Amino acid sequence: LLKQGRAKVFRRYPFTIILKDLEVGNCTTHNHQLKIDPGAKTQTLATRRKMRPP
């Protein structure tokens, strides 16, 4: 994406990019949670998708 010119570097640490060719109205968002994984031997983050009840 960077080489194609579709994104630019927003921050070097933590490395974050911004997509240049997407508009907010065309984006789809999902319900996710960012959690700390307590069972990991090192500091680990996990993403978790919130599921809808059936």
N, C-alpha and C. Protein backbone atom coordinates (compact mmCIF):
# COMPACT_ATOMS: atom_id res chain seq x y z
N LEU A 1 0.82 -1.19 0.00
CA LEU A 1 0.00 0.00 0.00
C LEU A 1 0.87 1.25 0.00
N LEU A 2 1.97 1.22 0.75
CA LEU A 2 2.85 2.38 0.78
C LEU A 2 3.52 2.60 -0.57
N LYS A 3 4.02 1.53 -1.18
CA LYS A 3 4.68 1.65 -2.49
C LYS A 3 3.72 2.07 -3.58
N GLN A 4 2.46 1.66 -3.46
CA GLN A 4 1.45 2.01 -4.46
C GLN A 4 0.90 3.42 -4.25
N GLY A 5 1.25 4.08 -3.16
CA GLY A 5 0.77 5.42 -2.87
C GLY A 5 -0.63 5.45 -2.29
N ARG A 6 -1.14 4.30 -1.87
CA ARG A 6 -2.50 4.23 -1.31
C ARG A 6 -2.53 4.50 0.18
N ALA A 7 -1.36 4.58 0.83
CA ALA A 7 -1.29 4.82 2.27
C ALA A 7 -0.07 5.66 2.58
N LYS A 8 -0.09 6.30 3.75
CA LYS A 8 1.09 7.03 4.20
C LYS A 8 1.35 6.68 5.66
N VAL A 9 2.59 6.86 6.09
CA VAL A 9 2.97 6.54 7.46
C VAL A 9 2.43 7.64 8.38
N PHE A 10 1.66 7.23 9.36
CA PHE A 10 1.11 8.17 10.34
C PHE A 10 2.04 8.28 11.54
N ARG A 11 2.54 7.13 12.01
CA ARG A 11 3.42 7.09 13.17
C ARG A 11 4.41 5.96 12.96
N ARG A 12 5.66 6.18 13.36
CA ARG A 12 6.67 5.12 13.19
C ARG A 12 6.66 4.13 14.36
N TYR A 13 6.34 4.58 15.57
CA TYR A 13 6.27 3.66 16.70
C TYR A 13 5.06 4.02 17.54
N PRO A 14 4.11 3.16 17.75
CA PRO A 14 3.94 1.91 17.02
C PRO A 14 3.61 2.21 15.57
N PHE A 15 4.11 1.37 14.68
CA PHE A 15 3.97 1.62 13.25
C PHE A 15 2.50 1.64 12.87
N THR A 16 2.08 2.79 12.33
CA THR A 16 0.67 2.99 11.98
C THR A 16 0.62 3.66 10.62
N ILE A 17 -0.29 3.19 9.76
CA ILE A 17 -0.47 3.82 8.45
C ILE A 17 -1.88 4.38 8.34
N ILE A 18 -2.04 5.32 7.42
CA ILE A 18 -3.35 5.89 7.11
C ILE A 18 -3.63 5.59 5.65
N LEU A 19 -4.80 5.03 5.38
CA LEU A 19 -5.21 4.77 4.00
C LEU A 19 -5.71 6.06 3.39
N LYS A 20 -5.20 6.40 2.21
CA LYS A 20 -5.52 7.68 1.58
C LYS A 20 -6.71 7.60 0.64
N ASP A 21 -7.04 6.42 0.14
CA ASP A 21 -8.08 6.33 -0.89
C ASP A 21 -9.44 5.86 -0.37
N LEU A 22 -9.63 5.85 0.95
CA LEU A 22 -10.92 5.46 1.52
C LEU A 22 -11.61 6.68 2.11
N GLU A 23 -12.91 6.76 1.92
CA GLU A 23 -13.71 7.82 2.53
C GLU A 23 -14.50 7.22 3.68
N VAL A 24 -14.77 8.02 4.69
CA VAL A 24 -15.45 7.53 5.88
C VAL A 24 -16.82 6.95 5.54
N GLY A 25 -17.53 7.54 4.61
CA GLY A 25 -18.85 7.05 4.25
C GLY A 25 -18.84 5.69 3.58
N ASN A 26 -17.70 5.28 3.01
CA ASN A 26 -17.60 4.01 2.31
C ASN A 26 -17.01 2.90 3.18
N CYS A 27 -16.70 3.19 4.43
CA CYS A 27 -16.06 2.21 5.30
C CYS A 27 -17.10 1.40 6.07
N THR A 28 -16.78 0.15 6.31
CA THR A 28 -17.60 -0.72 7.13
C THR A 28 -16.89 -0.93 8.45
N THR A 29 -17.58 -0.71 9.55
CA THR A 29 -16.97 -0.94 10.86
C THR A 29 -17.60 -2.16 11.51
N HIS A 30 -16.84 -2.80 12.37
CA HIS A 30 -17.29 -3.99 13.08
C HIS A 30 -17.05 -3.77 14.57
N ASN A 31 -17.85 -4.40 15.39
CA ASN A 31 -17.68 -4.31 16.84
C ASN A 31 -16.56 -5.25 17.27
N HIS A 32 -15.44 -4.68 17.69
CA HIS A 32 -14.31 -5.45 18.18
C HIS A 32 -13.87 -4.87 19.52
N GLN A 33 -13.25 -5.71 20.32
CA GLN A 33 -12.67 -5.28 21.59
C GLN A 33 -11.18 -5.57 21.54
N LEU A 34 -10.38 -4.69 22.12
CA LEU A 34 -8.95 -4.92 22.27
C LEU A 34 -8.71 -5.30 23.72
N LYS A 35 -8.19 -6.50 23.94
CA LYS A 35 -8.04 -7.03 25.29
C LYS A 35 -6.60 -7.44 25.53
N ILE A 36 -6.20 -7.45 26.80
CA ILE A 36 -4.91 -7.97 27.21
C ILE A 36 -5.07 -9.46 27.45
N ASP A 37 -4.13 -10.26 26.94
CA ASP A 37 -4.19 -11.71 27.09
C ASP A 37 -3.47 -12.10 28.38
N PRO A 38 -4.19 -12.41 29.46
CA PRO A 38 -3.55 -12.70 30.74
C PRO A 38 -2.81 -14.04 30.77
N GLY A 39 -3.09 -14.94 29.86
CA GLY A 39 -2.45 -16.25 29.86
C GLY A 39 -1.14 -16.28 29.08
N ALA A 40 -0.77 -15.19 28.46
CA ALA A 40 0.44 -15.17 27.65
C ALA A 40 1.67 -14.99 28.54
N LYS A 41 2.81 -15.51 28.08
CA LYS A 41 4.06 -15.38 28.83
C LYS A 41 4.68 -14.00 28.63
N THR A 42 4.36 -13.33 27.55
CA THR A 42 4.81 -11.96 27.30
C THR A 42 3.57 -11.09 27.17
N GLN A 43 3.77 -9.78 27.19
CA GLN A 43 2.62 -8.89 27.04
C GLN A 43 2.02 -9.08 25.65
N THR A 44 0.77 -9.44 25.62
CA THR A 44 0.11 -9.73 24.36
C THR A 44 -1.26 -9.08 24.35
N LEU A 45 -1.62 -8.51 23.21
CA LEU A 45 -2.96 -7.97 23.02
C LEU A 45 -3.72 -8.87 22.07
N ALA A 46 -4.99 -8.99 22.30
CA ALA A 46 -5.84 -9.80 21.44
C ALA A 46 -7.06 -8.99 21.04
N THR A 47 -7.51 -9.18 19.80
CA THR A 47 -8.76 -8.56 19.38
C THR A 47 -9.85 -9.59 19.48
N ARG A 48 -11.01 -9.13 19.88
CA ARG A 48 -12.15 -10.03 20.06
C ARG A 48 -13.35 -9.40 19.39
N ARG A 49 -14.03 -10.17 18.60
CA ARG A 49 -15.21 -9.67 17.91
C ARG A 49 -16.43 -9.90 18.80
N LYS A 50 -17.20 -8.84 18.98
CA LYS A 50 -18.44 -8.97 19.76
C LYS A 50 -19.46 -9.66 18.89
N MET A 51 -19.96 -10.79 19.37
CA MET A 51 -20.94 -11.56 18.62
C MET A 51 -22.34 -11.11 18.98
N ARG A 52 -23.20 -11.08 17.98
CA ARG A 52 -24.61 -10.76 18.21
C ARG A 52 -25.33 -11.99 18.72
N PRO A 53 -26.28 -11.81 19.63
CA PRO A 53 -27.06 -12.97 20.06
C PRO A 53 -27.89 -13.52 18.91
N PRO A 54 -28.09 -14.84 18.84
CA PRO A 54 -28.84 -15.43 17.72
C PRO A 54 -30.30 -15.04 17.71
